[in-house]
Amino acid sequence: MKSNGTPTAHTMTTAQSATDIRLRLELLETERAAALQTVLRHDVAYMTDLREEIVAMRHAYVGSAVAEIASFRAQLAAPQVG
């Protein structure tokens, strides 16, 4: 969790689906686009923090999606071994 109380990618991915994470990622991208239209674009600390959170959320999204795909595949057929 960030110092301002905002959850980070690490704290948000503990019990969320890939869909939930994707929605959060879209909100972050929207926040970034809005910030670029304001004076916040000059706030290096804010923009760096936002960029890092977007990168972490992208990684969480990919990891979650891969895990969900593997889980669905295992439900459809016997788990792959080897």
PDB file of N, CA and C in Angstrom:
ATOM      1  N   MET A   1       0.844  -1.162   0.000  1.00  0.00           N
ATOM      2  CA  MET A   1       0.000   0.000   0.000  1.00  0.00           C
ATOM      3  C   MET A   1       0.896   1.233   0.000  1.00  0.00           C
ATOM      4  N   LYS A   2       0.505   2.230  -0.767  1.00  0.00           N
ATOM      5  CA  LYS A   2       1.258   3.478  -0.818  1.00  0.00           C
ATOM      6  C   LYS A   2       1.065   4.252   0.483  1.00  0.00           C
ATOM      7  N   SER A   3       1.931   5.223   0.705  1.00  0.00           N
ATOM      8  CA  SER A   3       1.845   6.023   1.916  1.00  0.00           C
ATOM      9  C   SER A   3       0.535   6.797   2.020  1.00  0.00           C
ATOM     10  N   ASN A   4      -0.111   7.069   0.891  1.00  0.00           N
ATOM     11  CA  ASN A   4      -1.380   7.798   0.924  1.00  0.00           C
ATOM     12  C   ASN A   4      -2.585   6.871   1.101  1.00  0.00           C
ATOM     13  N   GLY A   5      -2.326   5.575   1.307  1.00  0.00           N
ATOM     14  CA  GLY A   5      -3.408   4.622   1.534  1.00  0.00           C
ATOM     15  C   GLY A   5      -3.935   3.953   0.288  1.00  0.00           C
ATOM     16  N   THR A   6      -3.418   4.312  -0.881  1.00  0.00           N
ATOM     17  CA  THR A   6      -3.854   3.713  -2.131  1.00  0.00           C
ATOM     18  C   THR A   6      -3.234   2.327  -2.271  1.00  0.00           C
ATOM     19  N   PRO A   7      -4.019   1.306  -2.598  1.00  0.00           N
ATOM     20  CA  PRO A   7      -3.457  -0.029  -2.774  1.00  0.00           C
ATOM     21  C   PRO A   7      -2.492  -0.072  -3.954  1.00  0.00           C
ATOM     22  N   THR A   8      -1.439  -0.846  -3.816  1.00  0.00           N
ATOM     23  CA  THR A   8      -0.508  -1.045  -4.924  1.00  0.00           C
ATOM     24  C   THR A   8      -0.882  -2.327  -5.652  1.00  0.00           C
ATOM     25  N   ALA A   9      -0.199  -2.598  -6.740  1.00  0.00           N
ATOM     26  CA  ALA A   9      -0.468  -3.817  -7.504  1.00  0.00           C
ATOM     27  C   ALA A   9      -0.305  -5.039  -6.616  1.00  0.00           C
ATOM     28  N   HIS A  10       0.696  -5.039  -5.754  1.00  0.00           N
ATOM     29  CA  HIS A  10       0.938  -6.194  -4.888  1.00  0.00           C
ATOM     30  C   HIS A  10      -0.229  -6.436  -3.945  1.00  0.00           C
ATOM     31  N   THR A  11      -0.747  -5.388  -3.309  1.00  0.00           N
ATOM     32  CA  THR A  11      -1.832  -5.584  -2.355  1.00  0.00           C
ATOM     33  C   THR A  11      -3.157  -5.831  -3.040  1.00  0.00           C
ATOM     34  N   MET A  12      -3.291  -5.435  -4.279  1.00  0.00           N
ATOM     35  CA  MET A  12      -4.570  -5.589  -4.975  1.00  0.00           C
ATOM     36  C   MET A  12      -4.726  -6.942  -5.641  1.00  0.00           C
ATOM     37  N   THR A  13      -3.660  -7.649  -5.909  1.00  0.00           N
ATOM     38  CA  THR A  13      -3.770  -8.867  -6.687  1.00  0.00           C
ATOM     39  C   THR A  13      -3.962 -10.117  -5.839  1.00  0.00           C
ATOM     40  N   THR A  14      -4.024  -9.990  -4.536  1.00  0.00           N
ATOM     41  CA  THR A  14      -4.104 -11.173  -3.703  1.00  0.00           C
ATOM     42  C   THR A  14      -5.379 -11.979  -3.918  1.00  0.00           C
ATOM     43  N   ALA A  15      -6.488 -11.339  -4.238  1.00  0.00           N
ATOM     44  CA  ALA A  15      -7.731 -12.082  -4.398  1.00  0.00           C
ATOM     45  C   ALA A  15      -8.584 -11.524  -5.529  1.00  0.00           C
ATOM     46  N   GLN A  16      -7.953 -11.068  -6.587  1.00  0.00           N
ATOM     47  CA  GLN A  16      -8.704 -10.483  -7.684  1.00  0.00           C
ATOM     48  C   GLN A  16      -8.519 -11.294  -8.962  1.00  0.00           C
ATOM     49  N   SER A  17      -9.557 -11.291  -9.758  1.00  0.00           N
ATOM     50  CA  SER A  17      -9.494 -11.977 -11.040  1.00  0.00           C
ATOM     51  C   SER A  17      -8.747 -11.108 -12.046  1.00  0.00           C
ATOM     52  N   ALA A  18      -8.388 -11.707 -13.156  1.00  0.00           N
ATOM     53  CA  ALA A  18      -7.728 -10.961 -14.224  1.00  0.00           C
ATOM     54  C   ALA A  18      -8.630  -9.825 -14.706  1.00  0.00           C
ATOM     55  N   THR A  19      -9.927 -10.055 -14.705  1.00  0.00           N
ATOM     56  CA  THR A  19     -10.868  -9.013 -15.119  1.00  0.00           C
ATOM     57  C   THR A  19     -10.827  -7.829 -14.165  1.00  0.00           C
ATOM     58  N   ASP A  20     -10.802  -8.107 -12.867  1.00  0.00           N
ATOM     59  CA  ASP A  20     -10.721  -7.037 -11.867  1.00  0.00           C
ATOM     60  C   ASP A  20      -9.423  -6.243 -12.025  1.00  0.00           C
ATOM     61  N   ILE A  21      -8.341  -6.960 -12.234  1.00  0.00           N
ATOM     62  CA  ILE A  21      -7.048  -6.304 -12.387  1.00  0.00           C
ATOM     63  C   ILE A  21      -7.033  -5.467 -13.662  1.00  0.00           C
ATOM     64  N   ARG A  22      -7.617  -5.982 -14.729  1.00  0.00           N
ATOM     65  CA  ARG A  22      -7.678  -5.241 -15.993  1.00  0.00           C
ATOM     66  C   ARG A  22      -8.470  -3.947 -15.819  1.00  0.00           C
ATOM     67  N   LEU A  23      -9.560  -3.995 -15.078  1.00  0.00           N
ATOM     68  CA  LEU A  23     -10.344  -2.791 -14.824  1.00  0.00           C
ATOM     69  C   LEU A  23      -9.521  -1.757 -14.055  1.00  0.00           C
ATOM     70  N   ARG A  24      -8.767  -2.219 -13.067  1.00  0.00           N
ATOM     71  CA  ARG A  24      -7.892  -1.313 -12.300  1.00  0.00           C
ATOM     72  C   ARG A  24      -6.825  -0.719 -13.216  1.00  0.00           C
ATOM     73  N   LEU A  25      -6.271  -1.537 -14.093  1.00  0.00           N
ATOM     74  CA  LEU A  25      -5.269  -1.054 -15.040  1.00  0.00           C
ATOM     75  C   LEU A  25      -5.854   0.017 -15.955  1.00  0.00           C
ATOM     76  N   GLU A  26      -7.069  -0.195 -16.416  1.00  0.00           N
ATOM     77  CA  GLU A  26      -7.727   0.803 -17.257  1.00  0.00           C
ATOM     78  C   GLU A  26      -7.937   2.112 -16.500  1.00  0.00           C
ATOM     79  N   LEU A  27      -8.292   2.023 -15.212  1.00  0.00           N
ATOM     80  CA  LEU A  27      -8.440   3.237 -14.406  1.00  0.00           C
ATOM     81  C   LEU A  27      -7.115   3.977 -14.271  1.00  0.00           C
ATOM     82  N   LEU A  28      -6.040   3.233 -14.071  1.00  0.00           N
ATOM     83  CA  LEU A  28      -4.721   3.858 -13.971  1.00  0.00           C
ATOM     84  C   LEU A  28      -4.329   4.537 -15.280  1.00  0.00           C
ATOM     85  N   GLU A  29      -4.619   3.894 -16.398  1.00  0.00           N
ATOM     86  CA  GLU A  29      -4.314   4.485 -17.707  1.00  0.00           C
ATOM     87  C   GLU A  29      -5.136   5.759 -17.924  1.00  0.00           C
ATOM     88  N   THR A  30      -6.392   5.744 -17.476  1.00  0.00           N
ATOM     89  CA  THR A  30      -7.240   6.929 -17.567  1.00  0.00           C
ATOM     90  C   THR A  30      -6.694   8.042 -16.677  1.00  0.00           C
ATOM     91  N   GLU A  31      -6.259   7.667 -15.483  1.00  0.00           N
ATOM     92  CA  GLU A  31      -5.659   8.644 -14.572  1.00  0.00           C
ATOM     93  C   GLU A  31      -4.416   9.269 -15.198  1.00  0.00           C
ATOM     94  N   ARG A  32      -3.602   8.451 -15.829  1.00  0.00           N
ATOM     95  CA  ARG A  32      -2.390   8.950 -16.479  1.00  0.00           C
ATOM     96  C   ARG A  32      -2.747   9.919 -17.606  1.00  0.00           C
ATOM     97  N   ALA A  33      -3.719   9.554 -18.429  1.00  0.00           N
ATOM     98  CA  ALA A  33      -4.133  10.426 -19.534  1.00  0.00           C
ATOM     99  C   ALA A  33      -4.666  11.756 -19.003  1.00  0.00           C
ATOM    100  N   ALA A  34      -5.431  11.707 -17.927  1.00  0.00           N
ATOM    101  CA  ALA A  34      -5.967  12.939 -17.333  1.00  0.00           C
ATOM    102  C   ALA A  34      -4.837  13.787 -16.751  1.00  0.00           C
ATOM    103  N   ALA A  35      -3.886  13.138 -16.100  1.00  0.00           N
ATOM    104  CA  ALA A  35      -2.762  13.865 -15.501  1.00  0.00           C
ATOM    105  C   ALA A  35      -1.927  14.566 -16.566  1.00  0.00           C
ATOM    106  N   LEU A  36      -1.796  13.941 -17.716  1.00  0.00           N
ATOM    107  CA  LEU A  36      -1.016  14.546 -18.793  1.00  0.00           C
ATOM    108  C   LEU A  36      -1.665  15.805 -19.341  1.00  0.00           C
ATOM    109  N   GLN A  37      -2.941  15.986 -19.074  1.00  0.00           N
ATOM    110  CA  GLN A  37      -3.663  17.177 -19.530  1.00  0.00           C
ATOM    111  C   GLN A  37      -3.647  18.300 -18.485  1.00  0.00           C
ATOM    112  N   THR A  38      -3.001  18.057 -17.355  1.00  0.00           N
ATOM    113  CA  THR A  38      -2.963  19.049 -16.275  1.00  0.00           C
ATOM    114  C   THR A  38      -1.513  19.344 -15.905  1.00  0.00           C
ATOM    115  N   VAL A  39      -1.354  20.186 -14.894  1.00  0.00           N
ATOM    116  CA  VAL A  39       0.003  20.511 -14.419  1.00  0.00           C
ATOM    117  C   VAL A  39       0.669  19.318 -13.740  1.00  0.00           C
ATOM    118  N   LEU A  40      -0.085  18.290 -13.430  1.00  0.00           N
ATOM    119  CA  LEU A  40       0.502  17.096 -12.828  1.00  0.00           C
ATOM    120  C   LEU A  40       1.542  16.443 -13.738  1.00  0.00           C
ATOM    121  N   ARG A  41       1.468  16.709 -15.029  1.00  0.00           N
ATOM    122  CA  ARG A  41       2.446  16.127 -15.957  1.00  0.00           C
ATOM    123  C   ARG A  41       3.859  16.581 -15.616  1.00  0.00           C
ATOM    124  N   HIS A  42       3.980  17.694 -14.882  1.00  0.00           N
ATOM    125  CA  HIS A  42       5.293  18.208 -14.485  1.00  0.00           C
ATOM    126  C   HIS A  42       5.728  17.695 -13.110  1.00  0.00           C
ATOM    127  N   ASP A  43       4.847  16.979 -12.419  1.00  0.00           N
ATOM    128  CA  ASP A  43       5.167  16.437 -11.093  1.00  0.00           C
ATOM    129  C   ASP A  43       5.871  15.090 -11.286  1.00  0.00           C
ATOM    130  N   VAL A  44       7.196  15.139 -11.248  1.00  0.00           N
ATOM    131  CA  VAL A  44       8.002  13.959 -11.550  1.00  0.00           C
ATOM    132  C   VAL A  44       7.695  12.807 -10.601  1.00  0.00           C
ATOM    133  N   ALA A  45       7.581  13.095  -9.320  1.00  0.00           N
ATOM    134  CA  ALA A  45       7.316  12.029  -8.345  1.00  0.00           C
ATOM    135  C   ALA A  45       5.965  11.368  -8.614  1.00  0.00           C
ATOM    136  N   TYR A  46       4.948  12.163  -8.877  1.00  0.00           N
ATOM    137  CA  TYR A  46       3.607  11.631  -9.137  1.00  0.00           C
ATOM    138  C   TYR A  46       3.601  10.776 -10.404  1.00  0.00           C
ATOM    139  N   MET A  47       4.171  11.314 -11.471  1.00  0.00           N
ATOM    140  CA  MET A  47       4.164  10.593 -12.748  1.00  0.00           C
ATOM    141  C   MET A  47       5.005   9.323 -12.668  1.00  0.00           C
ATOM    142  N   THR A  48       6.116   9.371 -11.948  1.00  0.00           N
ATOM    143  CA  THR A  48       6.951   8.182 -11.774  1.00  0.00           C
ATOM    144  C   THR A  48       6.195   7.119 -10.988  1.00  0.00           C
ATOM    145  N   ASP A  49       5.555   7.519  -9.903  1.00  0.00           N
ATOM    146  CA  ASP A  49       4.772   6.590  -9.094  1.00  0.00           C
ATOM    147  C   ASP A  49       3.646   5.970  -9.904  1.00  0.00           C
ATOM    148  N   LEU A  50       2.967   6.794 -10.688  1.00  0.00           N
ATOM    149  CA  LEU A  50       1.871   6.301 -11.520  1.00  0.00           C
ATOM    150  C   LEU A  50       2.379   5.326 -12.577  1.00  0.00           C
ATOM    151  N   ARG A  51       3.492   5.665 -13.214  1.00  0.00           N
ATOM    152  CA  ARG A  51       4.076   4.782 -14.226  1.00  0.00           C
ATOM    153  C   ARG A  51       4.477   3.437 -13.606  1.00  0.00           C
ATOM    154  N   GLU A  52       5.101   3.480 -12.427  1.00  0.00           N
ATOM    155  CA  GLU A  52       5.502   2.244 -11.753  1.00  0.00           C
ATOM    156  C   GLU A  52       4.294   1.392 -11.371  1.00  0.00           C
ATOM    157  N   GLU A  53       3.230   2.045 -10.934  1.00  0.00           N
ATOM    158  CA  GLU A  53       2.019   1.294 -10.580  1.00  0.00           C
ATOM    159  C   GLU A  53       1.384   0.667 -11.820  1.00  0.00           C
ATOM    160  N   ILE A  54       1.411   1.372 -12.942  1.00  0.00           N
ATOM    161  CA  ILE A  54       0.868   0.827 -14.192  1.00  0.00           C
ATOM    162  C   ILE A  54       1.676  -0.392 -14.620  1.00  0.00           C
ATOM    163  N   VAL A  55       2.998  -0.300 -14.547  1.00  0.00           N
ATOM    164  CA  VAL A  55       3.852  -1.430 -14.927  1.00  0.00           C
ATOM    165  C   VAL A  55       3.580  -2.629 -14.012  1.00  0.00           C
ATOM    166  N   ALA A  56       3.504  -2.383 -12.711  1.00  0.00           N
ATOM    167  CA  ALA A  56       3.239  -3.472 -11.767  1.00  0.00           C
ATOM    168  C   ALA A  56       1.863  -4.089 -12.020  1.00  0.00           C
ATOM    169  N   MET A  57       0.880  -3.256 -12.330  1.00  0.00           N
ATOM    170  CA  MET A  57      -0.470  -3.761 -12.584  1.00  0.00           C
ATOM    171  C   MET A  57      -0.507  -4.570 -13.881  1.00  0.00           C
ATOM    172  N   ARG A  58       0.256  -4.148 -14.886  1.00  0.00           N
ATOM    173  CA  ARG A  58       0.338  -4.933 -16.130  1.00  0.00           C
ATOM    174  C   ARG A  58       0.907  -6.316 -15.848  1.00  0.00           C
ATOM    175  N   HIS A  59       1.955  -6.369 -15.042  1.00  0.00           N
ATOM    176  CA  HIS A  59       2.557  -7.665 -14.698  1.00  0.00           C
ATOM    177  C   HIS A  59       1.570  -8.525 -13.923  1.00  0.00           C
ATOM    178  N   ALA A  60       0.856  -7.908 -12.984  1.00  0.00           N
ATOM    179  CA  ALA A  60      -0.140  -8.645 -12.208  1.00  0.00           C
ATOM    180  C   ALA A  60      -1.248  -9.170 -13.111  1.00  0.00           C
ATOM    181  N   TYR A  61      -1.649  -8.366 -14.077  1.00  0.00           N
ATOM    182  CA  TYR A  61      -2.708  -8.766 -15.010  1.00  0.00           C
ATOM    183  C   TYR A  61      -2.271  -9.976 -15.833  1.00  0.00           C
ATOM    184  N   VAL A  62      -1.085  -9.920 -16.381  1.00  0.00           N
ATOM    185  CA  VAL A  62      -0.587 -11.034 -17.189  1.00  0.00           C
ATOM    186  C   VAL A  62      -0.473 -12.296 -16.338  1.00  0.00           C
ATOM    187  N   GLY A  63       0.099 -12.167 -15.155  1.00  0.00           N
ATOM    188  CA  GLY A  63       0.226 -13.330 -14.274  1.00  0.00           C
ATOM    189  C   GLY A  63      -1.115 -13.929 -13.901  1.00  0.00           C
ATOM    190  N   SER A  64      -2.065 -13.081 -13.594  1.00  0.00           N
ATOM    191  CA  SER A  64      -3.393 -13.548 -13.226  1.00  0.00           C
ATOM    192  C   SER A  64      -4.088 -14.214 -14.411  1.00  0.00           C
ATOM    193  N   ALA A  65      -3.956 -13.613 -15.581  1.00  0.00           N
ATOM    194  CA  ALA A  65      -4.589 -14.190 -16.775  1.00  0.00           C
ATOM    195  C   ALA A  65      -3.991 -15.563 -17.092  1.00  0.00           C
ATOM    196  N   VAL A  66      -2.688 -15.683 -17.003  1.00  0.00           N
ATOM    197  CA  VAL A  66      -2.042 -16.970 -17.267  1.00  0.00           C
ATOM    198  C   VAL A  66      -2.506 -18.014 -16.255  1.00  0.00           C
ATOM    199  N   ALA A  67      -2.578 -17.632 -14.994  1.00  0.00           N
ATOM    200  CA  ALA A  67      -3.040 -18.571 -13.958  1.00  0.00           C
ATOM    201  C   ALA A  67      -4.488 -18.996 -14.206  1.00  0.00           C
ATOM    202  N   GLU A  68      -5.341 -18.057 -14.608  1.00  0.00           N
ATOM    203  CA  GLU A  68      -6.736 -18.396 -14.891  1.00  0.00           C
ATOM    204  C   GLU A  68      -6.850 -19.314 -16.102  1.00  0.00           C
ATOM    205  N   ILE A  69      -6.071 -19.057 -17.123  1.00  0.00           N
ATOM    206  CA  ILE A  69      -6.086 -19.922 -18.308  1.00  0.00           C
ATOM    207  C   ILE A  69      -5.654 -21.336 -17.932  1.00  0.00           C
ATOM    208  N   ALA A  70      -4.594 -21.442 -17.142  1.00  0.00           N
ATOM    209  CA  ALA A  70      -4.120 -22.758 -16.713  1.00  0.00           C
ATOM    210  C   ALA A  70      -5.179 -23.475 -15.877  1.00  0.00           C
ATOM    211  N   SER A  71      -5.849 -22.726 -15.022  1.00  0.00           N
ATOM    212  CA  SER A  71      -6.889 -23.322 -14.190  1.00  0.00           C
ATOM    213  C   SER A  71      -8.065 -23.810 -15.039  1.00  0.00           C
ATOM    214  N   PHE A  72      -8.500 -22.994 -15.985  1.00  0.00           N
ATOM    215  CA  PHE A  72      -9.588 -23.405 -16.878  1.00  0.00           C
ATOM    216  C   PHE A  72      -9.198 -24.622 -17.705  1.00  0.00           C
ATOM    217  N   ARG A  73      -7.961 -24.628 -18.171  1.00  0.00           N
ATOM    218  CA  ARG A  73      -7.488 -25.768 -18.968  1.00  0.00           C
ATOM    219  C   ARG A  73      -7.492 -27.041 -18.138  1.00  0.00           C
ATOM    220  N   ALA A  74      -7.057 -26.920 -16.897  1.00  0.00           N
ATOM    221  CA  ALA A  74      -7.032 -28.091 -16.015  1.00  0.00           C
ATOM    222  C   ALA A  74      -8.428 -28.602 -15.724  1.00  0.00           C
ATOM    223  N   GLN A  75      -9.408 -27.706 -15.696  1.00  0.00           N
ATOM    224  CA  GLN A  75     -10.784 -28.118 -15.463  1.00  0.00           C
ATOM    225  C   GLN A  75     -11.364 -28.845 -16.672  1.00  0.00           C
ATOM    226  N   LEU A  76     -10.890 -28.492 -17.860  1.00  0.00           N
ATOM    227  CA  LEU A  76     -11.398 -29.113 -19.076  1.00  0.00           C
ATOM    228  C   LEU A  76     -10.764 -30.473 -19.375  1.00  0.00           C
ATOM    229  N   ALA A  77      -9.545 -30.620 -18.969  1.00  0.00           N
ATOM    230  CA  ALA A  77      -8.819 -31.868 -19.234  1.00  0.00           C
ATOM    231  C   ALA A  77      -7.912 -32.169 -18.050  1.00  0.00           C
ATOM    232  N   ALA A  78      -7.325 -33.322 -18.084  1.00  0.00           N
ATOM    233  CA  ALA A  78      -6.402 -33.680 -17.033  1.00  0.00           C
ATOM    234  C   ALA A  78      -5.228 -32.703 -17.021  1.00  0.00           C
ATOM    235  N   PRO A  79      -4.732 -32.338 -15.857  1.00  0.00           N
ATOM    236  CA  PRO A  79      -3.575 -31.447 -15.784  1.00  0.00           C
ATOM    237  C   PRO A  79      -2.388 -32.010 -16.565  1.00  0.00           C
ATOM    238  N   GLN A  80      -1.657 -31.150 -17.221  1.00  0.00           N
ATOM    239  CA  GLN A  80      -0.487 -31.564 -17.992  1.00  0.00           C
ATOM    240  C   GLN A  80       0.676 -31.833 -17.047  1.00  0.00           C
ATOM    241  N   VAL A  81       1.392 -32.894 -17.300  1.00  0.00           N
ATOM    242  CA  VAL A  81       2.541 -33.270 -16.491  1.00  0.00           C
ATOM    243  C   VAL A  81       3.765 -33.319 -17.394  1.00  0.00           C
ATOM    244  N   GLY A  82       4.852 -32.720 -16.934  1.00  0.00           N
ATOM    245  CA  GLY A  82       6.089 -32.819 -17.697  1.00  0.00           C
ATOM    246  C   GLY A  82       6.542 -31.628 -18.338  1.00  0.00           C
TER     247      GLY A  82
END
